[in-house]
Amino acid sequence: MRSASQLLKPEAAYFAAIDGLRCALSFFDMKNASDVARIAELLFVGLNAAVEFTSAMNADELKTGREPAGKS
């Protein structure tokens, strides 16, 4: 987990049990979608982990993303 945290530099990290499994929820800025393979592989090999990625936005990013849609 320490290696993953040093690599991801998460803005926030939480640890919980979800569906009876140990889980880590890390919130970090992924600059490039190709980073998924590198990050997932680190967790697969290092922790034998199941990995799920979900996109999220802050309020400013949501506003920027919605601007073009509102102009059509």
N, C-alpha and C. Protein backbone atom coordinates (compact mmCIF):
# COMPACT_ATOMS: atom_id res chain seq x y z
N MET A 1 0.82 -1.19 0.00
CA MET A 1 0.00 0.00 0.00
C MET A 1 0.86 1.26 0.00
N ARG A 2 1.99 1.19 0.68
CA ARG A 2 2.88 2.34 0.74
C ARG A 2 3.40 2.70 -0.65
N SER A 3 3.79 1.70 -1.44
CA SER A 3 4.28 1.95 -2.80
C SER A 3 3.19 2.56 -3.67
N ALA A 4 1.98 2.03 -3.55
CA ALA A 4 0.86 2.57 -4.33
C ALA A 4 0.58 4.01 -3.93
N SER A 5 0.62 4.28 -2.65
CA SER A 5 0.36 5.64 -2.18
C SER A 5 1.43 6.61 -2.66
N GLN A 6 2.69 6.18 -2.66
CA GLN A 6 3.77 7.03 -3.16
C GLN A 6 3.63 7.29 -4.65
N LEU A 7 3.15 6.30 -5.39
CA LEU A 7 2.96 6.44 -6.83
C LEU A 7 1.77 7.35 -7.15
N LEU A 8 0.65 7.12 -6.48
CA LEU A 8 -0.59 7.83 -6.79
C LEU A 8 -0.66 9.23 -6.20
N LYS A 9 0.01 9.42 -5.06
CA LYS A 9 -0.07 10.70 -4.35
C LYS A 9 -1.54 11.13 -4.22
N PRO A 10 -2.36 10.30 -3.55
CA PRO A 10 -3.80 10.58 -3.49
C PRO A 10 -4.11 11.87 -2.73
N GLU A 11 -5.16 12.55 -3.18
CA GLU A 11 -5.67 13.72 -2.47
C GLU A 11 -6.32 13.27 -1.17
N ALA A 12 -6.90 12.07 -1.18
CA ALA A 12 -7.51 11.48 0.01
C ALA A 12 -7.47 9.97 -0.14
N ALA A 13 -7.38 9.27 0.97
CA ALA A 13 -7.41 7.81 0.96
C ALA A 13 -8.20 7.34 2.18
N TYR A 14 -9.08 6.39 1.95
CA TYR A 14 -9.91 5.84 3.02
C TYR A 14 -9.84 4.33 2.96
N PHE A 15 -9.99 3.70 4.11
CA PHE A 15 -9.93 2.25 4.20
C PHE A 15 -11.20 1.77 4.89
N ALA A 16 -11.83 0.72 4.32
CA ALA A 16 -13.10 0.24 4.83
C ALA A 16 -13.29 -1.22 4.44
N ALA A 17 -14.28 -1.84 5.04
CA ALA A 17 -14.72 -3.17 4.61
C ALA A 17 -15.95 -2.97 3.73
N ILE A 18 -15.91 -3.49 2.51
CA ILE A 18 -17.05 -3.41 1.60
C ILE A 18 -17.35 -4.83 1.14
N ASP A 19 -18.59 -5.26 1.32
CA ASP A 19 -19.00 -6.63 0.99
C ASP A 19 -18.08 -7.66 1.63
N GLY A 20 -17.63 -7.38 2.84
CA GLY A 20 -16.79 -8.31 3.58
C GLY A 20 -15.34 -8.37 3.15
N LEU A 21 -14.93 -7.45 2.29
CA LEU A 21 -13.54 -7.42 1.81
C LEU A 21 -12.85 -6.15 2.27
N ARG A 22 -11.56 -6.25 2.53
CA ARG A 22 -10.77 -5.06 2.85
C ARG A 22 -10.67 -4.20 1.60
N CYS A 23 -10.94 -2.91 1.75
CA CYS A 23 -10.94 -2.02 0.59
C CYS A 23 -10.18 -0.74 0.90
N ALA A 24 -9.56 -0.22 -0.14
CA ALA A 24 -8.91 1.09 -0.08
C ALA A 24 -9.57 1.95 -1.16
N LEU A 25 -9.96 3.13 -0.78
CA LEU A 25 -10.54 4.10 -1.73
C LEU A 25 -9.55 5.25 -1.81
N SER A 26 -8.92 5.40 -2.96
CA SER A 26 -7.92 6.46 -3.14
C SER A 26 -8.40 7.42 -4.21
N PHE A 27 -8.32 8.69 -3.91
CA PHE A 27 -8.76 9.73 -4.83
C PHE A 27 -7.52 10.47 -5.31
N PHE A 28 -7.26 10.34 -6.62
CA PHE A 28 -6.05 10.92 -7.18
C PHE A 28 -6.33 11.44 -8.58
N ASP A 29 -5.48 12.32 -9.06
CA ASP A 29 -5.64 12.92 -10.37
C ASP A 29 -4.91 12.06 -11.40
N MET A 30 -5.67 11.41 -12.28
CA MET A 30 -5.06 10.60 -13.33
C MET A 30 -4.99 11.46 -14.59
N LYS A 31 -3.79 11.82 -14.99
CA LYS A 31 -3.59 12.70 -16.13
C LYS A 31 -3.84 12.01 -17.47
N ASN A 32 -3.60 10.69 -17.53
CA ASN A 32 -3.69 9.98 -18.80
C ASN A 32 -4.34 8.62 -18.56
N ALA A 33 -5.30 8.25 -19.37
CA ALA A 33 -6.00 6.97 -19.22
C ALA A 33 -5.04 5.78 -19.32
N SER A 34 -3.93 5.94 -19.99
CA SER A 34 -2.97 4.83 -20.10
C SER A 34 -2.33 4.50 -18.75
N ASP A 35 -2.46 5.38 -17.77
CA ASP A 35 -1.94 5.11 -16.43
C ASP A 35 -2.69 3.97 -15.75
N VAL A 36 -3.90 3.66 -16.22
CA VAL A 36 -4.69 2.58 -15.62
C VAL A 36 -3.88 1.28 -15.60
N ALA A 37 -3.27 0.92 -16.71
CA ALA A 37 -2.52 -0.34 -16.79
C ALA A 37 -1.37 -0.37 -15.79
N ARG A 38 -0.62 0.71 -15.71
CA ARG A 38 0.53 0.75 -14.79
C ARG A 38 0.09 0.66 -13.34
N ILE A 39 -0.94 1.40 -12.98
CA ILE A 39 -1.42 1.42 -11.60
C ILE A 39 -2.05 0.07 -11.24
N ALA A 40 -2.90 -0.44 -12.11
CA ALA A 40 -3.56 -1.73 -11.84
C ALA A 40 -2.53 -2.84 -11.70
N GLU A 41 -1.54 -2.87 -12.57
CA GLU A 41 -0.53 -3.93 -12.52
C GLU A 41 0.23 -3.90 -11.19
N LEU A 42 0.56 -2.73 -10.72
CA LEU A 42 1.22 -2.59 -9.41
C LEU A 42 0.37 -3.25 -8.32
N LEU A 43 -0.91 -3.02 -8.34
CA LEU A 43 -1.80 -3.56 -7.32
C LEU A 43 -2.09 -5.04 -7.52
N PHE A 44 -2.20 -5.48 -8.78
CA PHE A 44 -2.41 -6.90 -9.05
C PHE A 44 -1.22 -7.72 -8.54
N VAL A 45 -0.03 -7.31 -8.94
CA VAL A 45 1.18 -8.07 -8.61
C VAL A 45 1.56 -7.89 -7.14
N GLY A 46 1.57 -6.65 -6.67
CA GLY A 46 2.04 -6.38 -5.32
C GLY A 46 1.09 -6.82 -4.22
N LEU A 47 -0.22 -6.75 -4.48
CA LEU A 47 -1.19 -7.05 -3.41
C LEU A 47 -2.20 -8.13 -3.79
N ASN A 48 -2.08 -8.69 -4.99
CA ASN A 48 -3.08 -9.64 -5.47
C ASN A 48 -4.48 -9.03 -5.33
N ALA A 49 -4.60 -7.76 -5.68
CA ALA A 49 -5.82 -6.99 -5.46
C ALA A 49 -6.75 -7.04 -6.67
N ALA A 50 -8.03 -6.92 -6.40
CA ALA A 50 -9.01 -6.63 -7.43
C ALA A 50 -9.06 -5.10 -7.51
N VAL A 51 -9.14 -4.56 -8.71
CA VAL A 51 -9.04 -3.12 -8.90
C VAL A 51 -10.23 -2.62 -9.71
N GLU A 52 -10.77 -1.49 -9.30
CA GLU A 52 -11.86 -0.85 -10.05
C GLU A 52 -11.57 0.64 -10.10
N PHE A 53 -11.67 1.22 -11.28
CA PHE A 53 -11.45 2.65 -11.46
C PHE A 53 -12.79 3.31 -11.78
N THR A 54 -13.04 4.43 -11.18
CA THR A 54 -14.25 5.20 -11.45
C THR A 54 -13.87 6.65 -11.63
N SER A 55 -14.35 7.26 -12.68
CA SER A 55 -14.07 8.68 -12.92
C SER A 55 -14.90 9.54 -11.98
N ALA A 56 -14.33 10.64 -11.58
CA ALA A 56 -15.03 11.61 -10.74
C ALA A 56 -14.53 13.00 -11.09
N MET A 57 -15.35 14.01 -10.81
CA MET A 57 -14.99 15.40 -11.10
C MET A 57 -15.29 16.26 -9.89
N ASN A 58 -14.53 17.33 -9.76
CA ASN A 58 -14.90 18.33 -8.77
C ASN A 58 -15.86 19.31 -9.45
N ALA A 59 -16.40 20.26 -8.69
CA ALA A 59 -17.42 21.17 -9.22
C ALA A 59 -16.90 22.00 -10.40
N ASP A 60 -15.66 22.46 -10.35
CA ASP A 60 -15.11 23.26 -11.45
C ASP A 60 -14.99 22.43 -12.73
N GLU A 61 -14.55 21.18 -12.61
CA GLU A 61 -14.42 20.31 -13.77
C GLU A 61 -15.80 20.01 -14.37
N LEU A 62 -16.77 19.81 -13.51
CA LEU A 62 -18.13 19.56 -13.99
C LEU A 62 -18.65 20.77 -14.77
N LYS A 63 -18.42 21.96 -14.24
CA LYS A 63 -18.87 23.18 -14.92
C LYS A 63 -18.19 23.31 -16.28
N THR A 64 -16.89 23.09 -16.34
CA THR A 64 -16.15 23.18 -17.60
C THR A 64 -16.66 22.14 -18.59
N GLY A 65 -16.92 20.94 -18.15
CA GLY A 65 -17.40 19.88 -19.02
C GLY A 65 -18.80 20.13 -19.54
N ARG A 66 -19.62 20.81 -18.78
CA ARG A 66 -21.00 21.04 -19.20
C ARG A 66 -21.14 22.25 -20.11
N GLU A 67 -20.19 23.15 -20.10
CA GLU A 67 -20.28 24.38 -20.92
C GLU A 67 -20.50 24.09 -22.41
N PRO A 68 -19.71 23.23 -23.04
CA PRO A 68 -19.95 22.96 -24.47
C PRO A 68 -21.33 22.35 -24.72
N ALA A 69 -21.82 21.53 -23.82
CA ALA A 69 -23.13 20.89 -24.01
C ALA A 69 -24.24 21.92 -23.97
N GLY A 70 -24.09 22.95 -23.16
CA GLY A 70 -25.11 23.97 -23.06
C GLY A 70 -25.15 24.92 -24.24
N LYS A 71 -24.10 24.93 -25.05
CA LYS A 71 -24.01 25.86 -26.20
C LYS A 71 -24.68 25.30 -27.45
N SER A 72 -25.01 23.99 -27.48
CA SER A 72 -25.60 23.42 -28.69
C SER A 72 -27.09 23.60 -28.72
